[in-house]
């Protein structure tokens, strides 16, 4: 079950990467096309590609903010947990036979 999810996630990530790359190349390639005016099919395709890039860049910004928050929380929790750990003679396994 877990391998199916990982496989599906890998396929989805690959498709998103292909969509972003294709959109970028279409926008760059068709930037200086001979526009026929209103109803130009190339302008419509370029508009869809630009919309795709804007949408995915927004999602990427949200993902980056969440990842940064998680990393910050992990660093805080790790530091706080380390400060709570006190070393005692028992935890160091020191024999006090005096």
PDB file of N, CA and C in Angstrom:
ATOM      1  N   UNK A   1       0.819  -1.194   0.000  1.00  0.00           N
ATOM      2  CA  UNK A   1       0.000   0.000   0.000  1.00  0.00           C
ATOM      3  C   UNK A   1       0.865   1.262   0.000  1.00  0.00           C
ATOM      4  N   UNK A   2       1.926   1.236   0.814  1.00  0.00           N
ATOM      5  CA  UNK A   2       2.806   2.402   0.898  1.00  0.00           C
ATOM      6  C   UNK A   2       3.552   2.592  -0.415  1.00  0.00           C
ATOM      7  N   UNK A   3       3.982   1.492  -1.035  1.00  0.00           N
ATOM      8  CA  UNK A   3       4.721   1.613  -2.293  1.00  0.00           C
ATOM      9  C   UNK A   3       3.826   2.158  -3.406  1.00  0.00           C
ATOM     10  N   UNK A   4       2.536   1.831  -3.360  1.00  0.00           N
ATOM     11  CA  UNK A   4       1.619   2.379  -4.364  1.00  0.00           C
ATOM     12  C   UNK A   4       1.481   3.881  -4.198  1.00  0.00           C
ATOM     13  N   UNK A   5       1.430   4.345  -2.960  1.00  0.00           N
ATOM     14  CA  UNK A   5       1.338   5.783  -2.714  1.00  0.00           C
ATOM     15  C   UNK A   5       2.606   6.498  -3.155  1.00  0.00           C
ATOM     16  N   UNK A   6       3.749   5.903  -2.854  1.00  0.00           N
ATOM     17  CA  UNK A   6       5.020   6.520  -3.265  1.00  0.00           C
ATOM     18  C   UNK A   6       5.122   6.568  -4.783  1.00  0.00           C
ATOM     19  N   UNK A   7       4.696   5.496  -5.436  1.00  0.00           N
ATOM     20  CA  UNK A   7       4.735   5.449  -6.893  1.00  0.00           C
ATOM     21  C   UNK A   7       3.807   6.505  -7.482  1.00  0.00           C
ATOM     22  N   UNK A   8       2.603   6.629  -6.920  1.00  0.00           N
ATOM     23  CA  UNK A   8       1.650   7.636  -7.393  1.00  0.00           C
ATOM     24  C   UNK A   8       2.183   9.042  -7.151  1.00  0.00           C
ATOM     25  N   UNK A   9       2.822   9.267  -6.006  1.00  0.00           N
ATOM     26  CA  UNK A   9       3.398  10.582  -5.707  1.00  0.00           C
ATOM     27  C   UNK A   9       4.535  10.903  -6.670  1.00  0.00           C
ATOM     28  N   UNK A  10       5.348   9.905  -6.996  1.00  0.00           N
ATOM     29  CA  UNK A  10       6.455  10.121  -7.939  1.00  0.00           C
ATOM     30  C   UNK A  10       5.919  10.446  -9.335  1.00  0.00           C
ATOM     31  N   UNK A  11       4.881   9.755  -9.752  1.00  0.00           N
ATOM     32  CA  UNK A  11       4.289  10.035 -11.068  1.00  0.00           C
ATOM     33  C   UNK A  11       3.688  11.437 -11.082  1.00  0.00           C
ATOM     34  N   UNK A  12       2.984  11.810 -10.016  1.00  0.00           N
ATOM     35  CA  UNK A  12       2.377  13.136  -9.938  1.00  0.00           C
ATOM     36  C   UNK A  12       3.439  14.229  -9.956  1.00  0.00           C
ATOM     37  N   UNK A  13       4.512  14.037  -9.213  1.00  0.00           N
ATOM     38  CA  UNK A  13       5.600  15.025  -9.200  1.00  0.00           C
ATOM     39  C   UNK A  13       6.242  15.151 -10.578  1.00  0.00           C
ATOM     40  N   UNK A  14       6.407  14.036 -11.257  1.00  0.00           N
ATOM     41  CA  UNK A  14       6.976  14.057 -12.608  1.00  0.00           C
ATOM     42  C   UNK A  14       6.057  14.791 -13.572  1.00  0.00           C
ATOM     43  N   UNK A  15       4.759  14.540 -13.482  1.00  0.00           N
ATOM     44  CA  UNK A  15       3.814  15.226 -14.365  1.00  0.00           C
ATOM     45  C   UNK A  15       3.788  16.732 -14.104  1.00  0.00           C
ATOM     46  N   UNK A  16       3.870  17.124 -12.853  1.00  0.00           N
ATOM     47  CA  UNK A  16       3.902  18.557 -12.538  1.00  0.00           C
ATOM     48  C   UNK A  16       5.171  19.198 -13.085  1.00  0.00           C
ATOM     49  N   UNK A  17       6.299  18.499 -12.944  1.00  0.00           N
ATOM     50  CA  UNK A  17       7.563  19.014 -13.476  1.00  0.00           C
ATOM     51  C   UNK A  17       7.493  19.154 -14.999  1.00  0.00           C
ATOM     52  N   UNK A  18       6.901  18.179 -15.675  1.00  0.00           N
ATOM     53  CA  UNK A  18       6.763  18.242 -17.134  1.00  0.00           C
ATOM     54  C   UNK A  18       5.843  19.401 -17.528  1.00  0.00           C
ATOM     55  N   UNK A  19       4.743  19.583 -16.792  1.00  0.00           N
ATOM     56  CA  UNK A  19       3.816  20.672 -17.105  1.00  0.00           C
ATOM     57  C   UNK A  19       4.476  22.033 -16.943  1.00  0.00           C
ATOM     58  N   UNK A  20       5.249  22.202 -15.877  1.00  0.00           N
ATOM     59  CA  UNK A  20       5.935  23.485 -15.655  1.00  0.00           C
ATOM     60  C   UNK A  20       6.976  23.724 -16.737  1.00  0.00           C
ATOM     61  N   UNK A  21       7.746  22.704 -17.058  1.00  0.00           N
ATOM     62  CA  UNK A  21       8.788  22.853 -18.079  1.00  0.00           C
ATOM     63  C   UNK A  21       8.180  23.151 -19.444  1.00  0.00           C
ATOM     64  N   UNK A  22       7.125  22.414 -19.798  1.00  0.00           N
ATOM     65  CA  UNK A  22       6.479  22.646 -21.092  1.00  0.00           C
ATOM     66  C   UNK A  22       5.864  24.033 -21.153  1.00  0.00           C
ATOM     67  N   UNK A  23       5.220  24.462 -20.082  1.00  0.00           N
ATOM     68  CA  UNK A  23       4.624  25.798 -20.063  1.00  0.00           C
ATOM     69  C   UNK A  23       5.677  26.877 -20.217  1.00  0.00           C
ATOM     70  N   UNK A  24       6.788  26.690 -19.539  1.00  0.00           N
ATOM     71  CA  UNK A  24       7.868  27.666 -19.632  1.00  0.00           C
ATOM     72  C   UNK A  24       8.416  27.755 -21.053  1.00  0.00           C
ATOM     73  N   UNK A  25       8.646  26.605 -21.674  1.00  0.00           N
ATOM     74  CA  UNK A  25       9.164  26.614 -23.048  1.00  0.00           C
ATOM     75  C   UNK A  25       8.158  27.204 -24.032  1.00  0.00           C
ATOM     76  N   UNK A  26       6.873  26.938 -23.843  1.00  0.00           N
ATOM     77  CA  UNK A  26       5.862  27.493 -24.749  1.00  0.00           C
ATOM     78  C   UNK A  26       5.819  29.010 -24.623  1.00  0.00           C
ATOM     79  N   UNK A  27       5.845  29.512 -23.405  1.00  0.00           N
ATOM     80  CA  UNK A  27       5.798  30.963 -23.200  1.00  0.00           C
ATOM     81  C   UNK A  27       7.023  31.629 -23.816  1.00  0.00           C
ATOM     82  N   UNK A  28       8.200  31.041 -23.614  1.00  0.00           N
ATOM     83  CA  UNK A  28       9.423  31.620 -24.170  1.00  0.00           C
ATOM     84  C   UNK A  28       9.432  31.529 -25.694  1.00  0.00           C
ATOM     85  N   UNK A  29       9.015  30.396 -26.240  1.00  0.00           N
ATOM     86  CA  UNK A  29       9.068  30.194 -27.693  1.00  0.00           C
ATOM     87  C   UNK A  29       8.062  31.071 -28.426  1.00  0.00           C
ATOM     88  N   UNK A  30       6.887  31.244 -27.882  1.00  0.00           N
ATOM     89  CA  UNK A  30       5.826  31.973 -28.570  1.00  0.00           C
ATOM     90  C   UNK A  30       5.719  33.435 -28.133  1.00  0.00           C
ATOM     91  N   UNK A  31       6.718  33.955 -27.469  1.00  0.00           N
ATOM     92  CA  UNK A  31       6.658  35.335 -26.978  1.00  0.00           C
ATOM     93  C   UNK A  31       6.577  36.354 -28.114  1.00  0.00           C
ATOM     94  N   UNK A  32       7.247  36.110 -29.216  1.00  0.00           N
ATOM     95  CA  UNK A  32       7.283  37.066 -30.329  1.00  0.00           C
ATOM     96  C   UNK A  32       6.565  36.534 -31.563  1.00  0.00           C
ATOM     97  N   UNK A  33       5.410  35.895 -31.371  1.00  0.00           N
ATOM     98  CA  UNK A  33       4.691  35.355 -32.523  1.00  0.00           C
ATOM     99  C   UNK A  33       3.926  36.466 -33.250  1.00  0.00           C
ATOM    100  N   UNK A  34       3.524  36.178 -34.461  1.00  0.00           N
ATOM    101  CA  UNK A  34       2.736  37.137 -35.243  1.00  0.00           C
ATOM    102  C   UNK A  34       1.282  37.008 -34.829  1.00  0.00           C
ATOM    103  N   UNK A  35       0.849  37.923 -34.000  1.00  0.00           N
ATOM    104  CA  UNK A  35      -0.500  37.869 -33.439  1.00  0.00           C
ATOM    105  C   UNK A  35      -1.506  38.349 -34.478  1.00  0.00           C
ATOM    106  N   UNK A  36      -2.617  37.621 -34.585  1.00  0.00           N
ATOM    107  CA  UNK A  36      -3.666  37.998 -35.540  1.00  0.00           C
ATOM    108  C   UNK A  36      -4.727  38.879 -34.895  1.00  0.00           C
ATOM    109  N   UNK A  37      -4.539  39.179 -33.636  1.00  0.00           N
ATOM    110  CA  UNK A  37      -5.487  40.041 -32.933  1.00  0.00           C
ATOM    111  C   UNK A  37      -6.373  39.249 -31.999  1.00  0.00           C
ATOM    112  N   UNK A  38      -7.627  39.699 -31.892  1.00  0.00           N
ATOM    113  CA  UNK A  38      -8.555  39.039 -30.985  1.00  0.00           C
ATOM    114  C   UNK A  38      -8.872  37.630 -31.473  1.00  0.00           C
ATOM    115  N   UNK A  39      -8.860  36.689 -30.547  1.00  0.00           N
ATOM    116  CA  UNK A  39      -9.141  35.294 -30.890  1.00  0.00           C
ATOM    117  C   UNK A  39      -7.917  34.538 -31.372  1.00  0.00           C
ATOM    118  N   UNK A  40      -6.733  35.052 -31.089  1.00  0.00           N
ATOM    119  CA  UNK A  40      -5.497  34.391 -31.508  1.00  0.00           C
ATOM    120  C   UNK A  40      -5.305  33.121 -30.680  1.00  0.00           C
ATOM    121  N   UNK A  41      -5.214  31.965 -31.334  1.00  0.00           N
ATOM    122  CA  UNK A  41      -5.068  30.716 -30.573  1.00  0.00           C
ATOM    123  C   UNK A  41      -3.727  30.618 -29.835  1.00  0.00           C
ATOM    124  N   UNK A  42      -2.701  31.208 -30.393  1.00  0.00           N
ATOM    125  CA  UNK A  42      -1.393  31.161 -29.740  1.00  0.00           C
ATOM    126  C   UNK A  42      -1.417  32.001 -28.463  1.00  0.00           C
ATOM    127  N   UNK A  43      -2.069  33.139 -28.506  1.00  0.00           N
ATOM    128  CA  UNK A  43      -2.191  33.970 -27.301  1.00  0.00           C
ATOM    129  C   UNK A  43      -2.992  33.242 -26.220  1.00  0.00           C
ATOM    130  N   UNK A  44      -4.002  32.476 -26.642  1.00  0.00           N
ATOM    131  CA  UNK A  44      -4.792  31.712 -25.676  1.00  0.00           C
ATOM    132  C   UNK A  44      -3.944  30.644 -25.010  1.00  0.00           C
ATOM    133  N   UNK A  45      -3.116  29.959 -25.784  1.00  0.00           N
ATOM    134  CA  UNK A  45      -2.240  28.930 -25.222  1.00  0.00           C
ATOM    135  C   UNK A  45      -1.218  29.556 -24.280  1.00  0.00           C
ATOM    136  N   UNK A  46      -0.658  30.688 -24.673  1.00  0.00           N
ATOM    137  CA  UNK A  46       0.321  31.377 -23.820  1.00  0.00           C
ATOM    138  C   UNK A  46      -0.342  31.832 -22.517  1.00  0.00           C
ATOM    139  N   UNK A  47      -1.578  32.294 -22.592  1.00  0.00           N
ATOM    140  CA  UNK A  47      -2.289  32.717 -21.382  1.00  0.00           C
ATOM    141  C   UNK A  47      -2.528  31.538 -20.438  1.00  0.00           C
ATOM    142  N   UNK A  48      -2.893  30.392 -20.997  1.00  0.00           N
ATOM    143  CA  UNK A  48      -3.088  29.189 -20.167  1.00  0.00           C
ATOM    144  C   UNK A  48      -1.771  28.772 -19.524  1.00  0.00           C
ATOM    145  N   UNK A  49      -0.690  28.820 -20.276  1.00  0.00           N
ATOM    146  CA  UNK A  49       0.621  28.451 -19.734  1.00  0.00           C
ATOM    147  C   UNK A  49       1.057  29.417 -18.633  1.00  0.00           C
ATOM    148  N   UNK A  50       0.820  30.691 -18.819  1.00  0.00           N
ATOM    149  CA  UNK A  50       1.173  31.667 -17.780  1.00  0.00           C
ATOM    150  C   UNK A  50       0.334  31.446 -16.528  1.00  0.00           C
ATOM    151  N   UNK A  51      -0.945  31.119 -16.705  1.00  0.00           N
ATOM    152  CA  UNK A  51      -1.808  30.835 -15.567  1.00  0.00           C
ATOM    153  C   UNK A  51      -1.320  29.594 -14.816  1.00  0.00           C
ATOM    154  N   UNK A  52      -0.890  28.584 -15.553  1.00  0.00           N
ATOM    155  CA  UNK A  52      -0.352  27.365 -14.934  1.00  0.00           C
ATOM    156  C   UNK A  52       0.890  27.683 -14.113  1.00  0.00           C
ATOM    157  N   UNK A  53       1.780  28.474 -14.676  1.00  0.00           N
ATOM    158  CA  UNK A  53       3.007  28.840 -13.955  1.00  0.00           C
ATOM    159  C   UNK A  53       2.707  29.663 -12.709  1.00  0.00           C
ATOM    160  N   UNK A  54       1.743  30.578 -12.784  1.00  0.00           N
ATOM    161  CA  UNK A  54       1.381  31.380 -11.610  1.00  0.00           C
ATOM    162  C   UNK A  54       0.772  30.511 -10.521  1.00  0.00           C
ATOM    163  N   UNK A  55      -0.099  29.586 -10.913  1.00  0.00           N
ATOM    164  CA  UNK A  55      -0.747  28.711  -9.934  1.00  0.00           C
ATOM    165  C   UNK A  55       0.266  27.817  -9.233  1.00  0.00           C
ATOM    166  N   UNK A  56       1.142  27.209  -9.994  1.00  0.00           N
ATOM    167  CA  UNK A  56       2.122  26.308  -9.401  1.00  0.00           C
ATOM    168  C   UNK A  56       3.169  27.055  -8.584  1.00  0.00           C
ATOM    169  N   UNK A  57       3.482  28.294  -8.958  1.00  0.00           N
ATOM    170  CA  UNK A  57       4.436  29.058  -8.155  1.00  0.00           C
ATOM    171  C   UNK A  57       3.813  29.444  -6.817  1.00  0.00           C
ATOM    172  N   UNK A  58       2.513  29.706  -6.800  1.00  0.00           N
ATOM    173  CA  UNK A  58       1.824  29.973  -5.533  1.00  0.00           C
ATOM    174  C   UNK A  58       1.818  28.759  -4.633  1.00  0.00           C
ATOM    175  N   UNK A  59       1.571  27.593  -5.215  1.00  0.00           N
ATOM    176  CA  UNK A  59       1.595  26.349  -4.447  1.00  0.00           C
ATOM    177  C   UNK A  59       2.999  26.083  -3.912  1.00  0.00           C
ATOM    178  N   UNK A  60       4.006  26.386  -4.708  1.00  0.00           N
ATOM    179  CA  UNK A  60       5.385  26.196  -4.265  1.00  0.00           C
ATOM    180  C   UNK A  60       5.724  27.126  -3.097  1.00  0.00           C
ATOM    181  N   UNK A  61       5.214  28.342  -3.134  1.00  0.00           N
ATOM    182  CA  UNK A  61       5.457  29.271  -2.029  1.00  0.00           C
ATOM    183  C   UNK A  61       4.812  28.775  -0.738  1.00  0.00           C
ATOM    184  N   UNK A  62       3.604  28.232  -0.838  1.00  0.00           N
ATOM    185  CA  UNK A  62       2.930  27.683   0.342  1.00  0.00           C
ATOM    186  C   UNK A  62       3.707  26.490   0.880  1.00  0.00           C
ATOM    187  N   UNK A  63       4.155  25.611  -0.011  1.00  0.00           N
ATOM    188  CA  UNK A  63       4.936  24.448   0.410  1.00  0.00           C
ATOM    189  C   UNK A  63       6.234  24.873   1.086  1.00  0.00           C
ATOM    190  N   UNK A  64       6.900  25.884   0.554  1.00  0.00           N
ATOM    191  CA  UNK A  64       8.149  26.355   1.152  1.00  0.00           C
ATOM    192  C   UNK A  64       7.904  26.945   2.539  1.00  0.00           C
ATOM    193  N   UNK A  65       6.798  27.666   2.707  1.00  0.00           N
ATOM    194  CA  UNK A  65       6.479  28.239   4.016  1.00  0.00           C
ATOM    195  C   UNK A  65       6.193  27.139   5.034  1.00  0.00           C
ATOM    196  N   UNK A  66       5.469  26.113   4.618  1.00  0.00           N
ATOM    197  CA  UNK A  66       5.169  25.003   5.523  1.00  0.00           C
ATOM    198  C   UNK A  66       6.443  24.252   5.884  1.00  0.00           C
ATOM    199  N   UNK A  67       7.300  24.001   4.905  1.00  0.00           N
ATOM    200  CA  UNK A  67       8.551  23.288   5.168  1.00  0.00           C
ATOM    201  C   UNK A  67       9.451  24.084   6.107  1.00  0.00           C
ATOM    202  N   UNK A  68       9.512  25.388   5.920  1.00  0.00           N
ATOM    203  CA  UNK A  68      10.321  26.224   6.810  1.00  0.00           C
ATOM    204  C   UNK A  68       9.765  26.213   8.234  1.00  0.00           C
ATOM    205  N   UNK A  69       8.444  26.237   8.355  1.00  0.00           N
ATOM    206  CA  UNK A  69       7.824  26.195   9.686  1.00  0.00           C
ATOM    207  C   UNK A  69       8.114  24.875  10.390  1.00  0.00           C
ATOM    208  N   UNK A  70       8.036  23.780   9.644  1.00  0.00           N
ATOM    209  CA  UNK A  70       8.306  22.463  10.232  1.00  0.00           C
ATOM    210  C   UNK A  70       9.767  22.363  10.661  1.00  0.00           C
ATOM    211  N   UNK A  71      10.680  22.825   9.821  1.00  0.00           N
ATOM    212  CA  UNK A  71      12.109  22.786  10.171  1.00  0.00           C
ATOM    213  C   UNK A  71      12.384  23.636  11.415  1.00  0.00           C
ATOM    214  N   UNK A  72      11.780  24.807  11.503  1.00  0.00           N
ATOM    215  CA  UNK A  72      11.958  25.673  12.669  1.00  0.00           C
ATOM    216  C   UNK A  72      11.414  25.007  13.924  1.00  0.00           C
ATOM    217  N   UNK A  73      10.248  24.358  13.809  1.00  0.00           N
ATOM    218  CA  UNK A  73       9.661  23.668  14.959  1.00  0.00           C
ATOM    219  C   UNK A  73      10.540  22.509  15.411  1.00  0.00           C
ATOM    220  N   UNK A  74      11.091  21.767  14.472  1.00  0.00           N
ATOM    221  CA  UNK A  74      11.968  20.648  14.826  1.00  0.00           C
ATOM    222  C   UNK A  74      13.221  21.155  15.538  1.00  0.00           C
ATOM    223  N   UNK A  75      13.793  22.240  15.067  1.00  0.00           N
ATOM    224  CA  UNK A  75      14.982  22.801  15.711  1.00  0.00           C
ATOM    225  C   UNK A  75      14.659  23.271  17.125  1.00  0.00           C
ATOM    226  N   UNK A  76      13.510  23.931  17.295  1.00  0.00           N
ATOM    227  CA  UNK A  76      13.123  24.383  18.628  1.00  0.00           C
ATOM    228  C   UNK A  76      12.874  23.220  19.576  1.00  0.00           C
ATOM    229  N   UNK A  77      12.171  22.206  19.096  1.00  0.00           N
ATOM    230  CA  UNK A  77      11.853  21.057  19.951  1.00  0.00           C
ATOM    231  C   UNK A  77      13.124  20.304  20.321  1.00  0.00           C
ATOM    232  N   UNK A  78      14.028  20.141  19.371  1.00  0.00           N
ATOM    233  CA  UNK A  78      15.280  19.444  19.650  1.00  0.00           C
ATOM    234  C   UNK A  78      16.113  20.208  20.678  1.00  0.00           C
ATOM    235  N   UNK A  79      16.215  21.504  20.528  1.00  0.00           N
ATOM    236  CA  UNK A  79      16.973  22.318  21.485  1.00  0.00           C
ATOM    237  C   UNK A  79      16.333  22.318  22.853  1.00  0.00           C
ATOM    238  N   UNK A  80      15.023  22.393  22.914  1.00  0.00           N
ATOM    239  CA  UNK A  80      14.319  22.390  24.187  1.00  0.00           C
ATOM    240  C   UNK A  80      14.466  21.038  24.875  1.00  0.00           C
ATOM    241  N   UNK A  81      14.375  19.970  24.098  1.00  0.00           N
ATOM    242  CA  UNK A  81      14.505  18.623  24.654  1.00  0.00           C
ATOM    243  C   UNK A  81      15.921  18.383  25.176  1.00  0.00           C
ATOM    244  N   UNK A  82      16.919  18.903  24.497  1.00  0.00           N
ATOM    245  CA  UNK A  82      18.302  18.724  24.934  1.00  0.00           C
ATOM    246  C   UNK A  82      18.568  19.487  26.225  1.00  0.00           C
ATOM    247  N   UNK A  83      17.904  20.616  26.407  1.00  0.00           N
ATOM    248  CA  UNK A  83      18.128  21.383  27.633  1.00  0.00           C
ATOM    249  C   UNK A  83      17.445  20.739  28.830  1.00  0.00           C
ATOM    250  N   UNK A  84      16.452  19.909  28.602  1.00  0.00           N
ATOM    251  CA  UNK A  84      15.764  19.240  29.702  1.00  0.00           C
ATOM    252  C   UNK A  84      16.501  18.000  30.199  1.00  0.00           C
ATOM    253  N   UNK A  85      17.380  17.471  29.388  1.00  0.00           N
ATOM    254  CA  UNK A  85      18.096  16.252  29.750  1.00  0.00           C
ATOM    255  C   UNK A  85      19.239  16.599  30.706  1.00  0.00           C
ATOM    256  N   UNK A  86      19.077  16.239  31.965  1.00  0.00           N
ATOM    257  CA  UNK A  86      20.108  16.498  32.966  1.00  0.00           C
ATOM    258  C   UNK A  86      20.908  15.228  33.199  1.00  0.00           C
ATOM    259  N   UNK A  87      22.204  15.388  33.278  1.00  0.00           N
ATOM    260  CA  UNK A  87      23.049  14.238  33.552  1.00  0.00           C
ATOM    261  C   UNK A  87      23.172  14.068  35.060  1.00  0.00           C
ATOM    262  N   UNK A  88      22.884  12.892  35.522  1.00  0.00           N
ATOM    263  CA  UNK A  88      22.992  12.557  36.936  1.00  0.00           C
ATOM    264  C   UNK A  88      23.988  11.416  37.086  1.00  0.00           C
ATOM    265  N   UNK A  89      24.475  11.168  38.286  1.00  0.00           N
ATOM    266  CA  UNK A  89      25.378  10.036  38.467  1.00  0.00           C
ATOM    267  C   UNK A  89      24.742   8.706  38.052  1.00  0.00           C
ATOM    268  N   UNK A  90      23.450   8.588  38.236  1.00  0.00           N
ATOM    269  CA  UNK A  90      22.788   7.346  37.837  1.00  0.00           C
ATOM    270  C   UNK A  90      22.723   7.220  36.335  1.00  0.00           C
ATOM    271  N   UNK A  91      22.417   8.324  35.622  1.00  0.00           N
ATOM    272  CA  UNK A  91      22.374   8.244  34.171  1.00  0.00           C
ATOM    273  C   UNK A  91      23.760   8.036  33.575  1.00  0.00           C
ATOM    274  N   UNK A  92      24.814   8.488  34.297  1.00  0.00           N
ATOM    275  CA  UNK A  92      26.181   8.261  33.846  1.00  0.00           C
ATOM    276  C   UNK A  92      26.722   6.924  34.320  1.00  0.00           C
ATOM    277  N   UNK A  93      25.949   6.204  35.136  1.00  0.00           N
ATOM    278  CA  UNK A  93      26.294   4.891  35.693  1.00  0.00           C
ATOM    279  C   UNK A  93      27.593   4.949  36.499  1.00  0.00           C
ATOM    280  N   UNK A  94      27.620   5.934  37.392  1.00  0.00           N
ATOM    281  CA  UNK A  94      28.775   6.101  38.271  1.00  0.00           C
ATOM    282  C   UNK A  94      28.461   5.407  39.582  1.00  0.00           C
ATOM    283  N   UNK A  95      29.394   4.588  40.042  1.00  0.00           N
ATOM    284  CA  UNK A  95      29.217   3.896  41.321  1.00  0.00           C
ATOM    285  C   UNK A  95      29.735   4.789  42.435  1.00  0.00           C
ATOM    286  N   UNK A  96      28.917   5.032  43.410  1.00  0.00           N
ATOM    287  CA  UNK A  96      29.300   5.853  44.549  1.00  0.00           C
ATOM    288  C   UNK A  96      29.517   4.925  45.744  1.00  0.00           C
ATOM    289  N   UNK A  97      30.689   4.386  45.868  1.00  0.00           N
ATOM    290  CA  UNK A  97      30.982   3.391  46.913  1.00  0.00           C
ATOM    291  C   UNK A  97      31.773   3.985  48.058  1.00  0.00           C
ATOM    292  N   UNK A  98      31.757   5.235  48.293  1.00  0.00           N
ATOM    293  CA  UNK A  98      32.543   5.840  49.363  1.00  0.00           C
ATOM    294  C   UNK A  98      31.982   5.555  50.713  1.00  0.00           C
TER     295      UNK A  98
END
